[in-house]
Amino acid sequence: HERGARIYDGADEVHKSSLARRILERYGMKKVREE
């Protein structure tokens, strides 16, 4: 029942990607809107 913890409320990959983008933007990476 809890294997879904890494999927629901935002999959691991989504959280890691969004976190990394926010961090990189603080280092000067241009914000790019994904479709």
All heavy atoms as atom14 arrays in JSON, in Angstrom:
{
  "sequence": "HERGARIYDGADEVHKSSLARRILERYGMKKVREE",
  "atom14_mask": [
    [1, 1, 1, 1, 1, 1, 1, 1, 1, 1, 0, 0, 0, 0],
    [1, 1, 1, 1, 1, 1, 1, 1, 1, 0, 0, 0, 0, 0],
    [1, 1, 1, 1, 1, 1, 1, 1, 1, 1, 1, 0, 0, 0],
    [1, 1, 1, 1, 0, 0, 0, 0, 0, 0, 0, 0, 0, 0],
    [1, 1, 1, 1, 1, 0, 0, 0, 0, 0, 0, 0, 0, 0],
    [1, 1, 1, 1, 1, 1, 1, 1, 1, 1, 1, 0, 0, 0],
    [1, 1, 1, 1, 1, 1, 1, 1, 0, 0, 0, 0, 0, 0],
    [1, 1, 1, 1, 1, 1, 1, 1, 1, 1, 1, 1, 0, 0],
    [1, 1, 1, 1, 1, 1, 1, 1, 0, 0, 0, 0, 0, 0],
    [1, 1, 1, 1, 0, 0, 0, 0, 0, 0, 0, 0, 0, 0],
    [1, 1, 1, 1, 1, 0, 0, 0, 0, 0, 0, 0, 0, 0],
    [1, 1, 1, 1, 1, 1, 1, 1, 0, 0, 0, 0, 0, 0],
    [1, 1, 1, 1, 1, 1, 1, 1, 1, 0, 0, 0, 0, 0],
    [1, 1, 1, 1, 1, 1, 1, 0, 0, 0, 0, 0, 0, 0],
    [1, 1, 1, 1, 1, 1, 1, 1, 1, 1, 0, 0, 0, 0],
    [1, 1, 1, 1, 1, 1, 1, 1, 1, 0, 0, 0, 0, 0],
    [1, 1, 1, 1, 1, 1, 0, 0, 0, 0, 0, 0, 0, 0],
    [1, 1, 1, 1, 1, 1, 0, 0, 0, 0, 0, 0, 0, 0],
    [1, 1, 1, 1, 1, 1, 1, 1, 0, 0, 0, 0, 0, 0],
    [1, 1, 1, 1, 1, 0, 0, 0, 0, 0, 0, 0, 0, 0],
    [1, 1, 1, 1, 1, 1, 1, 1, 1, 1, 1, 0, 0, 0],
    [1, 1, 1, 1, 1, 1, 1, 1, 1, 1, 1, 0, 0, 0],
    [1, 1, 1, 1, 1, 1, 1, 1, 0, 0, 0, 0, 0, 0],
    [1, 1, 1, 1, 1, 1, 1, 1, 0, 0, 0, 0, 0, 0],
    [1, 1, 1, 1, 1, 1, 1, 1, 1, 0, 0, 0, 0, 0],
    [1, 1, 1, 1, 1, 1, 1, 1, 1, 1, 1, 0, 0, 0],
    [1, 1, 1, 1, 1, 1, 1, 1, 1, 1, 1, 1, 0, 0],
    [1, 1, 1, 1, 0, 0, 0, 0, 0, 0, 0, 0, 0, 0],
    [1, 1, 1, 1, 1, 1, 1, 1, 0, 0, 0, 0, 0, 0],
    [1, 1, 1, 1, 1, 1, 1, 1, 1, 0, 0, 0, 0, 0],
    [1, 1, 1, 1, 1, 1, 1, 1, 1, 0, 0, 0, 0, 0],
    [1, 1, 1, 1, 1, 1, 1, 0, 0, 0, 0, 0, 0, 0],
    [1, 1, 1, 1, 1, 1, 1, 1, 1, 1, 1, 0, 0, 0],
    [1, 1, 1, 1, 1, 1, 1, 1, 1, 0, 0, 0, 0, 0],
    [1, 1, 1, 1, 1, 1, 1, 1, 1, 0, 0, 0, 0, 0]
  ],
  "atom14_positions": [
    [[0.8, -1.23, 0.0], [0.0, 0.0, 0.0], [0.83, 1.28, 0.0], [0.35, 2.32, -0.47], [-0.95, 0.01, 1.21], [-2.09, -0.95, 1.07], [-3.33, -0.57, 0.61], [-2.18, -2.29, 1.3], [-4.13, -1.61, 0.57], [-3.46, -2.67, 0.99], [0.0, 0.0, 0.0], [0.0, 0.0, 0.0], [0.0, 0.0, 0.0], [0.0, 0.0, 0.0]],
    [[2.04, 1.22, 0.5], [2.84, 2.44, 0.63], [3.92, 2.58, -0.44], [4.64, 3.58, -0.45], [3.47, 2.52, 2.02], [2.48, 2.57, 3.16], [1.59, 3.81, 3.14], [1.89, 4.76, 2.4], [0.57, 3.82, 3.87], [0.0, 0.0, 0.0], [0.0, 0.0, 0.0], [0.0, 0.0, 0.0], [0.0, 0.0, 0.0], [0.0, 0.0, 0.0]],
    [[4.04, 1.62, -1.35], [4.97, 1.83, -2.46], [4.56, 3.06, -3.27], [5.39, 3.75, -3.87], [5.01, 0.58, -3.37], [5.84, 0.74, -4.64], [7.28, 1.14, -4.33], [8.06, 1.3, -5.54], [8.08, 2.4, -6.3], [7.33, 3.44, -5.95], [8.84, 2.47, -7.37], [0.0, 0.0, 0.0], [0.0, 0.0, 0.0], [0.0, 0.0, 0.0]],
    [[3.28, 3.36, -3.24], [2.78, 4.54, -3.94], [3.27, 5.85, -3.35], [3.07, 6.91, -3.95], [0.0, 0.0, 0.0], [0.0, 0.0, 0.0], [0.0, 0.0, 0.0], [0.0, 0.0, 0.0], [0.0, 0.0, 0.0], [0.0, 0.0, 0.0], [0.0, 0.0, 0.0], [0.0, 0.0, 0.0], [0.0, 0.0, 0.0], [0.0, 0.0, 0.0]],
    [[3.92, 5.81, -2.19], [4.43, 7.04, -1.58], [5.36, 7.78, -2.52], [5.45, 9.01, -2.47], [5.16, 6.71, -0.27], [0.0, 0.0, 0.0], [0.0, 0.0, 0.0], [0.0, 0.0, 0.0], [0.0, 0.0, 0.0], [0.0, 0.0, 0.0], [0.0, 0.0, 0.0], [0.0, 0.0, 0.0], [0.0, 0.0, 0.0], [0.0, 0.0, 0.0]],
    [[6.05, 7.07, -3.38], [6.99, 7.71, -4.3], [6.3, 8.18, -5.58], [6.96, 8.69, -6.49], [8.13, 6.75, -4.64], [9.02, 6.43, -3.44], [10.16, 5.49, -3.81], [10.86, 6.01, -4.97], [11.46, 5.24, -5.88], [11.4, 3.91, -5.77], [12.11, 5.78, -6.89], [0.0, 0.0, 0.0], [0.0, 0.0, 0.0], [0.0, 0.0, 0.0]],
    [[4.97, 8.02, -5.63], [4.22, 8.4, -6.82], [3.17, 9.46, -6.51], [3.1, 10.5, -7.16], [3.54, 7.16, -7.45], [4.61, 6.15, -7.89], [2.65, 7.56, -8.62], [4.05, 4.81, -8.33], [0.0, 0.0, 0.0], [0.0, 0.0, 0.0], [0.0, 0.0, 0.0], [0.0, 0.0, 0.0], [0.0, 0.0, 0.0], [0.0, 0.0, 0.0]],
    [[2.3, 9.18, -5.51], [1.21, 10.13, -5.27], [1.7, 11.42, -4.62], [2.78, 11.47, -4.04], [0.08, 9.5, -4.46], [0.42, 8.85, -3.14], [0.88, 9.58, -2.06], [0.22, 7.48, -2.96], [1.13, 8.99, -0.85], [0.49, 6.87, -1.75], [0.94, 7.63, -0.7], [1.2, 7.01, 0.51], [0.0, 0.0, 0.0], [0.0, 0.0, 0.0]],
    [[0.89, 12.46, -4.76], [1.24, 13.81, -4.29], [2.52, 14.31, -4.93], [3.29, 15.05, -4.33], [1.37, 13.85, -2.76], [0.04, 14.09, -2.08], [-0.98, 14.05, -2.77], [0.01, 14.3, -0.86], [0.0, 0.0, 0.0], [0.0, 0.0, 0.0], [0.0, 0.0, 0.0], [0.0, 0.0, 0.0], [0.0, 0.0, 0.0], [0.0, 0.0, 0.0]],
    [[2.75, 13.91, -6.17], [3.95, 14.31, -6.9], [5.0, 13.22, -6.87], [5.52, 12.87, -5.81], [0.0, 0.0, 0.0], [0.0, 0.0, 0.0], [0.0, 0.0, 0.0], [0.0, 0.0, 0.0], [0.0, 0.0, 0.0], [0.0, 0.0, 0.0], [0.0, 0.0, 0.0], [0.0, 0.0, 0.0], [0.0, 0.0, 0.0], [0.0, 0.0, 0.0]],
    [[5.29, 12.66, -8.03], [6.29, 11.6, -8.12], [7.67, 12.13, -7.73], [7.95, 13.32, -7.85], [6.32, 11.04, -9.54], [0.0, 0.0, 0.0], [0.0, 0.0, 0.0], [0.0, 0.0, 0.0], [0.0, 0.0, 0.0], [0.0, 0.0, 0.0], [0.0, 0.0, 0.0], [0.0, 0.0, 0.0], [0.0, 0.0, 0.0], [0.0, 0.0, 0.0]],
    [[8.54, 11.23, -7.27], [9.9, 11.61, -6.91], [10.55, 12.47, -7.98], [11.17, 13.5, -7.7], [10.76, 10.36, -6.72], [10.47, 9.62, -5.44], [9.59, 10.06, -4.67], [11.13, 8.59, -5.19], [0.0, 0.0, 0.0], [0.0, 0.0, 0.0], [0.0, 0.0, 0.0], [0.0, 0.0, 0.0], [0.0, 0.0, 0.0], [0.0, 0.0, 0.0]],
    [[10.41, 12.01, -9.23], [11.11, 12.67, -10.34], [10.65, 14.12, -10.5], [11.44, 15.01, -10.82], [10.89, 11.89, -11.63], [11.48, 10.49, -11.64], [10.67, 9.46, -10.84], [9.52, 9.78, -10.44], [11.17, 8.35, -10.63], [0.0, 0.0, 0.0], [0.0, 0.0, 0.0], [0.0, 0.0, 0.0], [0.0, 0.0, 0.0], [0.0, 0.0, 0.0]],
    [[9.35, 14.36, -10.29], [8.8, 15.71, -10.43], [9.34, 16.62, -9.33], [9.76, 17.76, -9.57], [7.26, 15.68, -10.41], [6.69, 17.09, -10.43], [6.74, 14.88, -11.61], [0.0, 0.0, 0.0], [0.0, 0.0, 0.0], [0.0, 0.0, 0.0], [0.0, 0.0, 0.0], [0.0, 0.0, 0.0], [0.0, 0.0, 0.0], [0.0, 0.0, 0.0]],
    [[9.33, 16.12, -8.09], [9.82, 16.93, -6.98], [11.31, 17.22, -7.12], [11.77, 18.35, -6.87], [9.56, 16.21, -5.65], [8.15, 16.35, -5.16], [7.65, 17.53, -4.67], [7.13, 15.46, -5.11], [6.38, 17.37, -4.33], [6.04, 16.11, -4.59], [0.0, 0.0, 0.0], [0.0, 0.0, 0.0], [0.0, 0.0, 0.0], [0.0, 0.0, 0.0]],
    [[12.08, 16.21, -7.53], [13.53, 16.43, -7.69], [13.8, 17.44, -8.8], [14.67, 18.32, -8.66], [14.22, 15.1, -7.99], [14.27, 14.16, -6.8], [14.98, 12.86, -7.15], [15.05, 11.92, -5.95], [15.76, 10.66, -6.27], [0.0, 0.0, 0.0], [0.0, 0.0, 0.0], [0.0, 0.0, 0.0], [0.0, 0.0, 0.0], [0.0, 0.0, 0.0]],
    [[13.09, 17.32, -9.9], [13.3, 18.22, -11.03], [12.94, 19.66, -10.66], [13.69, 20.6, -10.95], [12.48, 17.75, -12.23], [12.65, 18.62, -13.33], [0.0, 0.0, 0.0], [0.0, 0.0, 0.0], [0.0, 0.0, 0.0], [0.0, 0.0, 0.0], [0.0, 0.0, 0.0], [0.0, 0.0, 0.0], [0.0, 0.0, 0.0], [0.0, 0.0, 0.0]],
    [[11.77, 19.84, -10.04], [11.34, 21.2, -9.7], [12.26, 21.81, -8.64], [12.58, 23.0, -8.7], [9.89, 21.18, -9.2], [9.75, 20.4, -8.04], [0.0, 0.0, 0.0], [0.0, 0.0, 0.0], [0.0, 0.0, 0.0], [0.0, 0.0, 0.0], [0.0, 0.0, 0.0], [0.0, 0.0, 0.0], [0.0, 0.0, 0.0], [0.0, 0.0, 0.0]],
    [[12.71, 21.0, -7.68], [13.63, 21.49, -6.66], [14.95, 21.92, -7.3], [15.47, 23.01, -7.03], [13.88, 20.41, -5.61], [14.96, 20.71, -4.57], [14.59, 21.92, -3.73], [15.2, 19.48, -3.68], [0.0, 0.0, 0.0], [0.0, 0.0, 0.0], [0.0, 0.0, 0.0], [0.0, 0.0, 0.0], [0.0, 0.0, 0.0], [0.0, 0.0, 0.0]],
    [[15.48, 21.07, -8.18], [16.76, 21.38, -8.82], [16.65, 22.64, -9.69], [17.57, 23.47, -9.7], [17.22, 20.19, -9.66], [0.0, 0.0, 0.0], [0.0, 0.0, 0.0], [0.0, 0.0, 0.0], [0.0, 0.0, 0.0], [0.0, 0.0, 0.0], [0.0, 0.0, 0.0], [0.0, 0.0, 0.0], [0.0, 0.0, 0.0], [0.0, 0.0, 0.0]],
    [[15.54, 22.81, -10.4], [15.36, 23.99, -11.23], [15.35, 25.26, -10.39], [15.98, 26.26, -10.76], [14.06, 23.9, -12.05], [14.14, 22.96, -13.24], [13.04, 23.29, -14.25], [11.72, 23.35, -13.65], [10.91, 22.32, -13.53], [11.28, 21.11, -13.96], [9.71, 22.47, -12.98], [0.0, 0.0, 0.0], [0.0, 0.0, 0.0], [0.0, 0.0, 0.0]],
    [[14.65, 25.23, -9.27], [14.6, 26.42, -8.41], [15.99, 26.75, -7.86], [16.37, 27.92, -7.77], [13.61, 26.21, -7.27], [12.15, 26.2, -7.7], [11.21, 26.36, -6.52], [11.31, 25.28, -5.56], [10.61, 24.14, -5.62], [9.76, 23.95, -6.62], [10.74, 23.21, -4.69], [0.0, 0.0, 0.0], [0.0, 0.0, 0.0], [0.0, 0.0, 0.0]],
    [[16.73, 25.71, -7.51], [18.09, 25.94, -7.01], [18.97, 26.53, -8.11], [19.7, 27.52, -7.9], [18.69, 24.62, -6.48], [17.95, 24.17, -5.22], [20.18, 24.78, -6.2], [18.33, 22.78, -4.73], [0.0, 0.0, 0.0], [0.0, 0.0, 0.0], [0.0, 0.0, 0.0], [0.0, 0.0, 0.0], [0.0, 0.0, 0.0], [0.0, 0.0, 0.0]],
    [[18.91, 25.96, -9.3], [19.75, 26.43, -10.41], [19.41, 27.85, -10.83], [20.29, 28.62, -11.25], [19.62, 25.48, -11.6], [20.29, 24.1, -11.4], [19.9, 23.14, -12.51], [21.81, 24.25, -11.33], [0.0, 0.0, 0.0], [0.0, 0.0, 0.0], [0.0, 0.0, 0.0], [0.0, 0.0, 0.0], [0.0, 0.0, 0.0], [0.0, 0.0, 0.0]],
    [[18.13, 28.22, -10.72], [17.75, 29.59, -11.06], [18.42, 30.6, -10.13], [18.74, 31.72, -10.54], [16.22, 29.73, -11.01], [15.52, 29.09, -12.2], [14.04, 28.85, -11.97], [13.51, 29.37, -10.96], [13.42, 28.12, -12.77], [0.0, 0.0, 0.0], [0.0, 0.0, 0.0], [0.0, 0.0, 0.0], [0.0, 0.0, 0.0], [0.0, 0.0, 0.0]],
    [[18.67, 30.19, -8.88], [19.38, 31.08, -7.95], [20.84, 31.24, -8.34], [21.52, 32.16, -7.91], [19.26, 30.53, -6.53], [17.85, 30.51, -5.99], [17.76, 29.81, -4.66], [16.39, 29.37, -4.42], [16.05, 28.23, -3.84], [16.99, 27.41, -3.43], [14.78, 27.91, -3.66], [0.0, 0.0, 0.0], [0.0, 0.0, 0.0], [0.0, 0.0, 0.0]],
    [[21.33, 30.3, -9.14], [22.71, 30.37, -9.63], [22.79, 31.0, -11.02], [23.83, 30.95, -11.66], [23.33, 28.97, -9.65], [23.74, 28.49, -8.28], [22.81, 27.92, -7.41], [25.05, 28.61, -7.83], [23.17, 27.47, -6.15], [25.43, 28.17, -6.57], [24.49, 27.61, -5.73], [24.85, 27.18, -4.47], [0.0, 0.0, 0.0], [0.0, 0.0, 0.0]],
    [[21.66, 31.55, -11.47], [21.69, 32.29, -12.73], [21.12, 31.58, -13.93], [21.08, 32.17, -15.02], [0.0, 0.0, 0.0], [0.0, 0.0, 0.0], [0.0, 0.0, 0.0], [0.0, 0.0, 0.0], [0.0, 0.0, 0.0], [0.0, 0.0, 0.0], [0.0, 0.0, 0.0], [0.0, 0.0, 0.0], [0.0, 0.0, 0.0], [0.0, 0.0, 0.0]],
    [[20.68, 30.32, -13.79], [20.09, 29.64, -14.95], [18.76, 30.28, -15.3], [17.94, 30.53, -14.42], [19.9, 28.15, -14.65], [19.5, 27.35, -15.89], [19.32, 25.56, -15.55], [17.64, 25.52, -14.91], [0.0, 0.0, 0.0], [0.0, 0.0, 0.0], [0.0, 0.0, 0.0], [0.0, 0.0, 0.0], [0.0, 0.0, 0.0], [0.0, 0.0, 0.0]],
    [[18.57, 30.56, -16.56], [17.34, 31.2, -17.01], [16.13, 30.29, -16.79], [16.19, 29.1, -17.08], [17.44, 31.56, -18.49], [16.25, 32.35, -19.02], [16.43, 32.71, -20.48], [15.23, 33.47, -21.02], [15.39, 33.81, -22.47], [0.0, 0.0, 0.0], [0.0, 0.0, 0.0], [0.0, 0.0, 0.0], [0.0, 0.0, 0.0], [0.0, 0.0, 0.0]],
    [[15.06, 30.88, -16.29], [13.84, 30.11, -16.06], [13.19, 29.78, -17.39], [12.97, 30.66, -18.22], [12.87, 30.9, -15.18], [11.64, 30.13, -14.75], [10.81, 30.93, -13.76], [9.64, 30.13, -13.25], [8.85, 30.88, -12.22], [0.0, 0.0, 0.0], [0.0, 0.0, 0.0], [0.0, 0.0, 0.0], [0.0, 0.0, 0.0], [0.0, 0.0, 0.0]],
    [[12.92, 28.51, -17.6], [12.3, 28.05, -18.84], [10.96, 27.41, -18.5], [10.89, 26.5, -17.66], [13.19, 27.03, -19.58], [12.51, 26.52, -20.83], [14.54, 27.65, -19.92], [0.0, 0.0, 0.0], [0.0, 0.0, 0.0], [0.0, 0.0, 0.0], [0.0, 0.0, 0.0], [0.0, 0.0, 0.0], [0.0, 0.0, 0.0], [0.0, 0.0, 0.0]],
    [[9.91, 27.89, -19.13], [8.59, 27.31, -18.89], [8.41, 26.07, -19.73], [8.56, 26.1, -20.95], [7.5, 28.33, -19.25], [6.09, 27.82, -18.94], [5.08, 28.94, -19.08], [3.74, 28.44, -18.83], [2.67, 29.22, -18.76], [2.79, 30.53, -18.92], [1.48, 28.7, -18.5], [0.0, 0.0, 0.0], [0.0, 0.0, 0.0], [0.0, 0.0, 0.0]],
    [[8.13, 24.95, -19.06], [7.93, 23.69, -19.75], [6.48, 23.55, -20.18], [5.57, 23.91, -19.45], [8.33, 22.51, -18.87], [9.81, 22.51, -18.55], [10.22, 21.25, -17.82], [9.33, 20.39, -17.58], [11.4, 21.1, -17.51], [0.0, 0.0, 0.0], [0.0, 0.0, 0.0], [0.0, 0.0, 0.0], [0.0, 0.0, 0.0], [0.0, 0.0, 0.0]],
    [[6.27, 22.99, -21.36], [4.9, 22.77, -21.85], [4.37, 21.48, -21.3], [5.09, 20.54, -21.08], [4.9, 22.71, -23.39], [5.36, 24.03, -24.02], [4.46, 25.21, -23.7], [3.26, 24.99, -23.49], [4.96, 26.34, -23.65], [0.0, 0.0, 0.0], [0.0, 0.0, 0.0], [0.0, 0.0, 0.0], [0.0, 0.0, 0.0], [0.0, 0.0, 0.0]]
  ]
}
